[in-house]
Each structure stands twice: as structure tokens, then as C-alpha cells.
Amino acid sequence: MASVRTTGAFVAAISMSMVLFSYFLCTYRSKRKTPFSLSKYKNPRNGLVHAVGNTPLIRINSLSEATGCEILGKCEFLNPGGSVKDRVAVKIIEEALESGQLVCGGVVTEGSAGSTAISLATVAPAYGCKCHVVIPDDAAIEKSQILEALGATVERVRPVSITHRDHYVNTARRRALEANELASKSKKSEQIDGKFSEQIDCCMSDGEKKGSIFSSYCNGGFFADQFENLANFRAHYQGTGPEIWEQSGGRLDSFVAAAGTGGTVAGISSFLQEKNPNIKCFLIDPPGSGLFNKVTRGVMYTKEEAEGKRLKNPFDTITEGIGINRLTQNFKMAKLDGAYRGTDKEAVEMSRYLLKNDGLFLGSSSAMNCVGAVRVAQSLGPGHTIVTILCDSGMRHLSKFYDAQYLSEHGLTPTATGLEFLGI
């Protein structure tokens, strides 16, 4: 009998515990809000445009431990369009709309090696605009595919000097003028006795339609001009730079990045050095670019060359979006204390090292920036904090930078097991 009573008491105790547990669980669930409810956030972001920026600043553990410095990377690949160029696209379009140079329904044109074009194609629809991109045909094919998927029209041209009429930037500039001419003709047609009979596809007659790529655009064009448009600089001076300052608590010793248009390195370096003149800012420059010479020697050319007229060979560098042989208005705003030269092999090796050790799948310019961060760390010595930009991920670089056959053909097959390619 004693055994039965003991068993009964035990069962009763278990039952009471289950009742109490169920009560508290139900009470907790009734008070808890759904984990994905926007109501739990004080300031939900309003649409895609407001999701651009405020990217995290992370410690790159493997490089920090190897150098004895705190090496931090700004994760710009987490922007909606996948790169740091989202900031530039938003700033350029907003300033153009405010000034009246671009109107809703207009087309934004740009000459780009990829990332800026993708960012423009991503954010333009949010402003009611369209996008036309001129891209060098040696750029990774997946970039064109992404652009077309985003709804942009893509025009691929052969790589030539910026002084050539058919350079992709010059071609994009002409396309904006063509769109404006078509818009002007459309308005004139509308003003003639209110007749619209000659209009076809909103803008032109049958005769005018032939050979045009803007047959469906009637609100004009705007050339984004990322290389010379200082909205590029302002995007980083007003956005990225202040974010880095705030996220690091102002406790950083150096900033380093590569340059294409120059907007990123110029905007960030200018802001940081205004906040603290002791912060050292550096450039990391890929093969085939003249910026290293300009920063370190004051000239971008040899005696045999004319500045701005060098033809950058498509195989000078495997990196995309960085390196240039002319001074842009954006780069002129940079506040630099020096420059380092990086190599393609170093960028390739760095990308594989970071993937293996940190799980960071980075594009070619991001990898080059990390090469620069290690170079700065070696120069300054242990105990310093260095910030760089992780521009985009490796997803846009599969056909070249991450293609084993392509790398083998250019003698760039990665072989390092650690950071020995940088002398560590």
C-alpha cells in the first residue's frame, strides 16, 4: 500500500508540474509578440532606398590575429544592391531629381564596369526611372546578366582609352543626349496642333525609330557620370565616413582602400581627417593603374606617355572596378598620406584565405582592399586599428576571379596555405 501511495503522490506531483508549466508557457506566448512583426522595431526602414547604408563594421579575425592590429571591414556587400555603389546610385539620382536634370520616367545612363550599373538598375525603379548601361565587354558576364534581370538595357563595347569616342563612359554620355533629343522631339510633336499621329512608342516616328535604343523613353535622359559627379564623393563624405567614425567610436588609426572613380576613398578620407588629422589614409592600387605613381611621385605617366592617354590593357589586372589612368574630380578630393601597390596574385590569394579562415566570400576589389589593410598593418606595427571597405561579394566574380581555368590561363592559380604571399 505504501508503494501505491508513493507512486500516486509522484504522479500527482508530475501532473501539477505539467499544469503549472502549461500555464506559464501560455502566459508567455500571449505576451510575446511575433518575432517578425515590424511593430517591435521603433523605426522600420521605408522601402529599398532607406535600406541603403548603415552597414556593419566587422573585425576580420584572421587578419587581425596575424598582424597584431585590429583590422575592420565595412560590409558594403550587405547593401540591397550588393555593393558600396548603392550609396552612390541613391545620391546621384536624388540630386539629379532635385535639380530637375532627371525627371520621373526618365532614363539614367552610365558607363560602368559593373557595380555602379547594378546599383543604378536596382534603385532607379524606386524613383520611377529606367536605366541604360554601357559596359566593357571584358567585364564578368554575370554582371550583364544581373543588369538585364533587373530590367536595365545593356550595351557592351570593347575596352578602349578614355580619349576614344567609343569608350564606355563616352558612349553612355552620348546615350543620355540622344534620350534628351528624343524627348525634345516628342514635346514638339505634341505642341503642333495637338496632333500625336507621328508619335510611335511615345517618342518618335517610324523614320526616327530605326537604329535608336530609346524607342520607349520619352522623358529624357541623365548621364550619371560617376567618375566626375561629386555626388559620388558626397555619398561617402556624408554617409560612409560618418558611419565608420561612429561605429569605431572614433578609435581608428588608419583607413585604406582602392580607387576607381575615387569617390569612396576621397569621401571617407576627407571626413575622417577632418575629425582627426592624425588618422592616416592610404590608397592600394592594382596593376595597370597610374594612381600609385600619382600619389607617391606626383605623376601618372612616364616620359614616353601622355597623362590620361594610356590604354589600359584588359589583362593588366583581374580586379574590376578599381584602378584608372586619369585623375577624376572625385579622386582630387582625396586626402591621402601614401599609397601601396597590390598585385593580382595577392588579391586572388587573399580572397581564398578569407573564405577559408573567416567565411568571407569577397569580390576582387574587396580582396585588394584587404591586401592594403595588411600592408598598412605591417607598416604601422601591432596595436593599431585599420579600417577598409568590403565593396561587394564574390557572387559577381564567378566567371573570372573565381574561375579556376581563367586563373590558370593567366598564371594566377592560388597556392598559398597562409599569408606567406604577404610575407607573414
Protein backbone atom coordinates (compact mmCIF):
# COMPACT_ATOMS: atom_id res chain seq x y z
CA MET A 1 0.00 0.00 0.00
CA ALA A 2 2.85 2.36 0.86
CA SER A 3 4.32 1.75 -2.58
CA VAL A 4 0.99 2.55 -4.26
CA ARG A 5 0.58 5.78 -2.23
CA THR A 6 4.13 6.84 -3.10
CA THR A 7 3.52 6.19 -6.79
CA GLY A 8 0.25 8.12 -6.66
CA ALA A 9 1.90 11.09 -4.98
CA PHE A 10 4.66 11.06 -7.58
CA VAL A 11 2.15 11.02 -10.45
CA ALA A 12 0.17 13.85 -8.82
CA ALA A 13 3.34 15.91 -8.46
CA ILE A 14 4.22 15.36 -12.11
CA SER A 15 0.69 16.31 -13.18
CA MET A 16 0.77 19.50 -11.10
CA SER A 17 4.17 20.42 -12.61
CA MET A 18 2.80 19.93 -16.13
CA VAL A 19 -0.22 22.13 -15.34
CA LEU A 20 2.00 24.90 -13.98
CA PHE A 21 4.38 24.64 -16.94
CA SER A 22 1.49 24.85 -19.42
CA TYR A 23 0.07 27.88 -17.58
CA PHE A 24 3.34 29.81 -17.68
CA LEU A 25 4.02 28.80 -21.30
CA CYS A 26 0.60 30.04 -22.42
CA THR A 27 1.04 33.25 -20.45
CA TYR A 28 4.46 33.85 -22.05
CA ARG A 29 3.12 33.17 -25.56
CA SER A 30 0.19 35.51 -25.08
CA LYS A 31 2.53 38.35 -24.07
CA ARG A 32 5.20 37.66 -26.65
CA LYS A 33 5.00 39.48 -30.00
CA THR A 34 5.60 37.68 -33.26
CA PRO A 35 9.36 37.71 -33.99
CA PHE A 36 8.88 39.17 -37.46
CA SER A 37 6.41 41.88 -36.54
CA LEU A 38 7.52 45.35 -37.63
CA SER A 39 5.80 46.73 -34.52
CA LYS A 40 8.72 45.59 -32.37
CA TYR A 41 11.04 47.97 -34.24
CA LYS A 42 10.93 51.65 -33.42
CA ASN A 43 11.92 52.79 -36.87
CA PRO A 44 11.28 50.28 -39.66
CA ARG A 45 13.02 51.35 -42.87
CA ASN A 46 10.78 52.79 -45.53
CA GLY A 47 11.37 50.89 -48.74
CA LEU A 48 14.50 49.80 -50.55
CA VAL A 49 16.19 53.21 -50.71
CA HIS A 50 16.13 53.57 -46.94
CA ALA A 51 17.78 50.17 -46.59
CA VAL A 52 20.95 51.53 -48.23
CA GLY A 53 23.78 52.31 -45.84
CA ASN A 54 24.34 51.73 -42.12
CA THR A 55 26.18 48.51 -42.96
CA PRO A 56 28.01 46.71 -40.14
CA LEU A 57 31.69 47.25 -39.38
CA ILE A 58 33.21 43.86 -38.53
CA ARG A 59 36.53 42.65 -37.18
CA ILE A 60 38.34 40.50 -39.74
CA ASN A 61 39.58 37.98 -37.21
CA SER A 62 42.22 36.13 -39.21
CA LEU A 63 43.98 39.28 -40.41
CA SER A 64 43.76 40.93 -37.01
CA GLU A 65 45.32 37.95 -35.26
CA ALA A 66 48.02 37.59 -37.92
CA THR A 67 49.12 41.24 -37.79
CA GLY A 68 48.51 42.20 -34.18
CA CYS A 69 46.31 45.07 -35.37
CA GLU A 70 42.56 45.46 -35.29
CA ILE A 71 41.59 45.18 -38.97
CA LEU A 72 37.97 46.15 -39.53
CA GLY A 73 35.91 45.80 -42.69
CA LYS A 74 32.82 47.82 -43.61
CA CYS A 75 30.38 45.26 -45.03
CA GLU A 76 29.11 47.15 -48.06
CA PHE A 77 28.17 43.90 -49.79
CA LEU A 78 25.15 43.85 -47.46
CA ASN A 79 23.53 46.82 -49.20
CA PRO A 80 20.31 45.92 -51.12
CA GLY A 81 22.07 46.06 -54.50
CA GLY A 82 25.03 44.12 -53.13
CA SER A 83 27.77 46.75 -53.15
CA VAL A 84 29.12 50.06 -51.88
CA LYS A 85 27.87 51.66 -55.10
CA ASP A 86 24.28 51.62 -53.82
CA ARG A 87 25.15 54.73 -51.82
CA VAL A 88 26.42 56.48 -54.94
CA ALA A 89 23.40 55.50 -57.02
CA VAL A 90 20.97 56.88 -54.45
CA LYS A 91 22.88 60.15 -54.06
CA ILE A 92 23.30 60.72 -57.80
CA ILE A 93 19.63 60.07 -58.59
CA GLU A 94 18.31 62.12 -55.68
CA GLU A 95 20.47 65.14 -56.54
CA ALA A 96 19.53 64.86 -60.22
CA LEU A 97 15.82 64.75 -59.39
CA GLU A 98 16.15 67.71 -57.01
CA SER A 99 17.95 69.78 -59.64
CA GLY A 100 15.50 68.87 -62.40
CA GLN A 101 18.18 67.23 -64.57
CA LEU A 102 16.27 63.96 -64.21
CA VAL A 103 12.51 63.55 -64.10
CA CYS A 104 10.28 60.65 -63.19
CA GLY A 105 10.04 58.33 -66.19
CA GLY A 106 13.45 59.42 -67.45
CA VAL A 107 16.37 57.12 -68.15
CA VAL A 108 19.62 57.15 -66.18
CA THR A 109 22.63 56.23 -68.34
CA GLU A 110 26.02 55.18 -67.06
CA GLY A 111 29.29 53.70 -68.23
CA SER A 112 30.31 51.15 -65.63
CA ALA A 113 32.39 48.03 -65.16
CA GLY A 114 29.50 46.56 -63.25
CA SER A 115 28.77 47.50 -59.65
CA THR A 116 27.59 51.09 -60.14
CA ALA A 117 25.44 49.95 -63.04
CA ILE A 118 23.84 47.23 -60.91
CA SER A 119 23.19 49.73 -58.12
CA LEU A 120 21.60 52.23 -60.51
CA ALA A 121 19.45 49.50 -62.03
CA THR A 122 18.43 48.42 -58.52
CA VAL A 123 17.40 51.80 -57.12
CA ALA A 124 16.21 53.63 -60.27
CA PRO A 125 12.77 51.92 -60.29
CA ALA A 126 12.21 53.14 -56.71
CA TYR A 127 12.33 56.68 -58.15
CA GLY A 128 10.18 55.84 -61.18
CA CYS A 129 13.16 55.88 -63.57
CA LYS A 130 14.75 53.47 -66.04
CA CYS A 131 18.37 52.56 -66.58
CA HIS A 132 20.64 52.10 -69.61
CA VAL A 133 24.15 50.80 -69.04
CA VAL A 134 27.23 50.74 -71.26
CA ILE A 135 29.68 48.15 -70.03
CA PRO A 136 33.11 47.00 -71.31
CA ASP A 137 32.83 43.56 -72.87
CA ASP A 138 35.71 42.21 -70.78
CA ALA A 139 33.69 42.60 -67.58
CA ALA A 140 32.41 39.40 -65.97
CA ILE A 141 29.41 38.14 -67.94
CA GLU A 142 27.32 37.62 -64.80
CA LYS A 143 27.24 41.40 -64.31
CA SER A 144 25.46 41.86 -67.63
CA GLN A 145 23.09 39.05 -66.76
CA ILE A 146 22.23 40.67 -63.43
CA LEU A 147 21.63 44.03 -65.13
CA GLU A 148 19.28 42.53 -67.68
CA ALA A 149 17.42 40.65 -64.96
CA LEU A 150 16.97 43.96 -63.12
CA GLY A 151 15.33 45.43 -66.20
CA ALA A 152 18.17 47.63 -67.43
CA THR A 153 19.16 47.78 -71.09
CA VAL A 154 22.78 46.72 -71.53
CA GLU A 155 25.20 47.80 -74.24
CA ARG A 156 28.57 46.02 -74.30
CA VAL A 157 31.51 47.77 -76.01
CA ARG A 158 35.18 46.94 -76.49
CA PRO A 159 37.67 48.34 -73.93
CA VAL A 160 39.44 51.43 -75.29
CA SER A 161 41.17 54.52 -73.89
CA ILE A 162 39.02 57.17 -72.23
CA THR A 163 40.16 59.53 -75.00
CA HIS A 164 38.46 57.32 -77.58
CA ARG A 165 34.96 58.29 -78.70
CA ASP A 166 33.66 54.77 -78.06
CA HIS A 167 34.97 54.35 -74.52
CA TYR A 168 32.08 53.03 -72.44
CA VAL A 169 31.85 56.23 -70.40
CA ASN A 170 31.77 58.44 -73.50
CA THR A 171 29.19 56.20 -75.11
CA ALA A 172 26.95 56.44 -72.04
CA ARG A 173 27.21 60.23 -72.14
CA ARG A 174 26.04 60.23 -75.78
CA ARG A 175 23.14 57.95 -74.95
CA ALA A 176 21.80 60.46 -72.42
CA LEU A 177 22.00 63.21 -75.05
CA GLU A 178 20.14 61.01 -77.52
CA ALA A 179 17.38 60.37 -74.99
CA ASN A 180 17.05 64.12 -74.37
CA GLU A 181 16.87 64.82 -78.11
CA LEU A 182 14.10 62.25 -78.50
CA ALA A 183 12.22 63.73 -75.55
CA SER A 184 12.54 67.20 -77.10
CA LYS A 185 11.19 65.98 -80.45
CA SER A 186 8.32 64.28 -78.67
CA LYS A 187 7.33 67.52 -76.91
CA LYS A 188 7.50 69.48 -80.15
CA SER A 189 5.29 66.90 -81.84
CA GLU A 190 2.74 67.22 -79.05
CA GLN A 191 2.70 71.02 -79.38
CA ILE A 192 1.80 71.03 -83.10
CA ASP A 193 -2.00 71.50 -83.12
CA GLY A 194 -2.29 68.78 -80.50
CA LYS A 195 -1.56 66.12 -83.09
CA PHE A 196 0.04 62.88 -81.99
CA SER A 197 -0.20 60.93 -85.25
CA GLU A 198 3.53 60.91 -85.89
CA GLN A 199 4.40 59.60 -82.43
CA ILE A 200 5.32 55.99 -82.17
CA ASP A 201 6.34 54.36 -78.91
CA CYS A 202 5.80 57.65 -77.13
CA CYS A 203 8.72 59.42 -78.68
CA MET A 204 9.30 59.10 -82.40
CA SER A 205 8.12 58.47 -85.89
CA ASP A 206 8.88 55.31 -87.88
CA GLY A 207 11.84 57.01 -89.53
CA GLU A 208 13.33 58.17 -86.25
CA LYS A 209 12.71 54.84 -84.58
CA LYS A 210 15.24 52.99 -86.73
CA GLY A 211 18.57 52.47 -85.01
CA SER A 212 17.52 54.02 -81.70
CA ILE A 213 17.78 52.20 -78.39
CA PHE A 214 15.44 54.61 -76.60
CA SER A 215 12.21 53.95 -78.50
CA SER A 216 10.21 53.54 -75.31
CA TYR A 217 11.62 56.51 -73.39
CA CYS A 218 10.00 59.92 -73.68
CA ASN A 219 11.02 61.77 -70.52
CA GLY A 220 14.66 62.41 -71.37
CA GLY A 221 17.94 61.07 -70.10
CA PHE A 222 20.50 61.85 -67.42
CA PHE A 223 24.14 60.80 -67.54
CA ALA A 224 25.08 59.70 -64.01
CA ASP A 225 28.78 60.40 -64.64
CA GLN A 226 30.02 58.54 -61.57
CA PHE A 227 33.65 59.42 -62.28
CA GLU A 228 33.21 63.19 -62.31
CA ASN A 229 29.91 63.76 -60.49
CA LEU A 230 30.76 64.92 -56.97
CA ALA A 231 27.54 63.40 -55.66
CA ASN A 232 29.73 60.29 -55.56
CA PHE A 233 32.15 62.00 -53.15
CA ARG A 234 29.29 63.41 -51.08
CA ALA A 235 27.67 59.97 -50.69
CA HIS A 236 30.73 58.84 -48.73
CA TYR A 237 31.63 62.14 -47.09
CA GLN A 238 28.10 62.44 -45.69
CA GLY A 239 27.37 58.73 -45.24
CA THR A 240 30.08 56.10 -45.15
CA GLY A 241 32.69 58.26 -43.41
CA PRO A 242 30.43 59.31 -40.51
CA GLU A 243 29.25 55.71 -40.09
CA ILE A 244 32.84 54.46 -39.77
CA TRP A 245 33.62 57.19 -37.26
CA GLU A 246 30.58 56.36 -35.15
CA GLN A 247 30.92 52.57 -35.35
CA SER A 248 34.60 52.67 -34.39
CA GLY A 249 33.96 55.18 -31.64
CA GLY A 250 36.49 57.42 -33.35
CA ARG A 251 39.21 54.98 -32.30
CA LEU A 252 40.96 54.23 -35.57
CA ASP A 253 44.46 54.92 -36.75
CA SER A 254 44.21 54.34 -40.49
CA PHE A 255 41.91 53.88 -43.46
CA VAL A 256 42.88 52.19 -46.74
CA ALA A 257 41.02 51.45 -49.97
CA ALA A 258 41.49 51.16 -53.71
CA ALA A 259 40.03 53.70 -56.13
CA GLY A 260 38.14 53.51 -59.41
CA THR A 261 36.05 56.65 -59.58
CA GLY A 262 37.80 57.81 -56.41
CA GLY A 263 34.57 58.71 -54.62
CA THR A 264 34.86 56.16 -51.81
CA VAL A 265 38.46 56.82 -50.81
CA ALA A 266 38.03 60.59 -51.26
CA GLY A 267 34.81 60.97 -49.29
CA ILE A 268 35.88 58.76 -46.41
CA SER A 269 39.44 60.09 -46.14
CA SER A 270 38.25 63.70 -46.22
CA PHE A 271 35.70 63.14 -43.47
CA LEU A 272 37.99 61.11 -41.21
CA GLN A 273 40.88 63.54 -41.46
CA GLU A 274 38.57 66.43 -40.65
CA LYS A 275 37.53 64.58 -37.50
CA ASN A 276 41.10 63.65 -36.62
CA PRO A 277 44.10 64.80 -38.70
CA ASN A 278 46.19 62.01 -37.16
CA ILE A 279 44.24 59.30 -38.97
CA LYS A 280 46.44 58.09 -41.81
CA CYS A 281 44.68 57.38 -45.10
CA PHE A 282 46.19 55.26 -47.86
CA LEU A 283 45.49 54.03 -51.37
CA ILE A 284 46.00 50.44 -52.53
CA ASP A 285 46.37 50.37 -56.32
CA PRO A 286 46.12 47.38 -58.71
CA PRO A 287 48.34 46.65 -61.73
CA GLY A 288 47.81 48.84 -64.78
CA SER A 289 46.65 51.85 -62.76
CA GLY A 290 48.54 55.13 -62.54
CA LEU A 291 47.17 56.35 -59.19
CA PHE A 292 50.01 54.82 -57.17
CA ASN A 293 52.51 56.88 -59.15
CA LYS A 294 50.36 59.99 -58.80
CA VAL A 295 50.18 59.71 -55.02
CA THR A 296 53.81 58.71 -54.45
CA ARG A 297 55.59 60.64 -57.24
CA GLY A 298 53.17 63.30 -58.37
CA VAL A 299 52.80 61.97 -61.94
CA MET A 300 50.72 59.19 -63.51
CA TYR A 301 52.88 58.62 -66.56
CA THR A 302 56.41 58.01 -67.81
CA LYS A 303 58.27 60.34 -70.15
CA GLU A 304 57.06 58.26 -73.09
CA GLU A 305 53.40 58.61 -72.19
CA ALA A 306 50.86 61.43 -72.09
CA GLU A 307 48.83 61.61 -68.89
CA GLY A 308 45.30 60.30 -69.34
CA LYS A 309 46.10 58.66 -72.69
CA ARG A 310 47.46 55.33 -71.58
CA LEU A 311 45.47 52.38 -72.88
CA LYS A 312 44.81 50.05 -70.01
CA ASN A 313 45.18 46.53 -71.36
CA PRO A 314 42.23 44.30 -70.43
CA PHE A 315 44.69 41.86 -68.88
CA ASP A 316 46.66 44.38 -66.86
CA THR A 317 44.59 43.31 -63.87
CA ILE A 318 41.97 40.76 -62.97
CA THR A 319 40.38 43.17 -60.50
CA GLU A 320 37.27 45.01 -61.63
CA GLY A 321 36.03 48.47 -60.74
CA ILE A 322 39.34 49.77 -59.39
CA GLY A 323 42.41 51.30 -61.00
CA ILE A 324 42.44 54.15 -63.50
CA ASN A 325 44.88 56.18 -65.59
CA ARG A 326 43.42 59.63 -65.17
CA LEU A 327 42.53 61.99 -62.35
CA THR A 328 38.81 62.25 -61.71
CA GLN A 329 37.11 65.16 -59.95
CA ASN A 330 36.19 62.73 -57.18
CA PHE A 331 39.73 61.45 -56.64
CA LYS A 332 41.05 65.01 -56.48
CA MET A 333 39.11 65.40 -53.23
CA ALA A 334 41.04 62.58 -51.51
CA LYS A 335 43.27 63.26 -48.50
CA LEU A 336 45.98 60.63 -48.75
CA ASP A 337 49.17 60.05 -46.81
CA GLY A 338 50.59 57.44 -49.16
CA ALA A 339 49.90 54.51 -51.43
CA TYR A 340 50.71 50.82 -51.83
CA ARG A 341 50.85 48.70 -54.97
CA GLY A 342 48.94 45.42 -54.89
CA THR A 343 49.20 42.53 -57.33
CA ASP A 344 46.58 40.28 -58.89
CA LYS A 345 48.12 37.22 -57.27
CA GLU A 346 47.91 38.85 -53.85
CA ALA A 347 44.23 39.68 -54.40
CA VAL A 348 43.42 36.14 -55.52
CA GLU A 349 45.32 34.58 -52.62
CA MET A 350 43.70 36.96 -50.14
CA SER A 351 40.19 36.11 -51.34
CA ARG A 352 40.80 32.38 -50.81
CA TYR A 353 42.45 32.96 -47.45
CA LEU A 354 39.50 34.99 -46.15
CA LEU A 355 36.99 32.46 -47.48
CA LYS A 356 38.80 29.64 -45.75
CA ASN A 357 39.54 31.37 -42.45
CA ASP A 358 36.71 33.88 -41.99
CA GLY A 359 33.92 32.65 -44.24
CA LEU A 360 34.10 35.93 -46.18
CA PHE A 361 33.26 35.44 -49.87
CA LEU A 362 34.57 38.66 -51.35
CA GLY A 363 34.98 40.22 -54.78
CA SER A 364 38.25 41.29 -56.35
CA SER A 365 38.27 44.91 -55.13
CA SER A 366 37.38 43.83 -51.59
CA ALA A 367 40.26 41.35 -51.63
CA MET A 368 42.64 44.06 -52.85
CA ASN A 369 41.46 46.34 -50.05
CA CYS A 370 42.30 43.63 -47.52
CA VAL A 371 45.76 43.30 -49.07
CA GLY A 372 46.09 47.03 -48.47
CA ALA A 373 44.95 46.68 -44.85
CA VAL A 374 47.68 44.10 -44.17
CA ARG A 375 50.28 46.32 -45.86
CA VAL A 376 49.28 49.22 -43.63
CA ALA A 377 49.38 46.97 -40.56
CA GLN A 378 52.89 45.86 -41.46
CA SER A 379 53.94 49.47 -41.88
CA LEU A 380 52.36 50.84 -38.69
CA GLY A 381 53.11 47.83 -36.50
CA PRO A 382 50.95 45.97 -33.94
CA GLY A 383 48.39 47.74 -31.79
CA HIS A 384 46.75 49.92 -34.43
CA THR A 385 43.20 49.93 -35.75
CA ILE A 386 42.80 49.89 -39.53
CA VAL A 387 39.53 50.16 -41.47
CA THR A 388 38.88 49.13 -45.06
CA ILE A 389 35.89 48.60 -47.34
CA LEU A 390 34.42 45.21 -48.29
CA CYS A 391 32.90 46.54 -51.52
CA ASP A 392 31.00 43.53 -52.85
CA SER A 393 30.80 39.76 -52.59
CA GLY A 394 32.29 37.12 -54.86
CA MET A 395 28.93 36.39 -56.49
CA ARG A 396 29.66 38.85 -59.33
CA HIS A 397 33.11 37.44 -59.99
CA LEU A 398 32.46 33.76 -60.69
CA SER A 399 33.43 33.73 -64.37
CA LYS A 400 36.86 35.31 -63.87
CA PHE A 401 38.14 35.93 -60.35
CA TYR A 402 36.75 32.62 -59.04
CA ASP A 403 37.13 30.58 -62.23
CA ALA A 404 39.97 28.06 -61.96
CA GLN A 405 40.55 27.81 -65.72
CA TYR A 406 40.65 31.59 -66.21
CA LEU A 407 43.12 31.96 -63.33
CA SER A 408 45.28 29.16 -64.69
CA GLU A 409 45.43 30.77 -68.13
CA HIS A 410 46.76 33.96 -66.56
CA GLY A 411 49.16 32.34 -64.12
CA LEU A 412 47.07 33.27 -61.07
CA THR A 413 46.18 29.87 -59.61
CA PRO A 414 46.17 30.27 -55.80
CA THR A 415 48.73 28.12 -53.98
CA ALA A 416 49.27 29.76 -50.57
CA THR A 417 48.34 27.98 -47.36
CA GLY A 418 48.55 31.08 -45.18
CA LEU A 419 49.58 34.71 -45.60
CA GLU A 420 53.05 33.92 -46.87
CA PHE A 421 52.22 35.80 -50.10
CA LEU A 422 52.40 38.97 -47.97
CA GLY A 423 55.47 37.90 -46.04
CA ILE A 424 53.62 36.75 -42.91
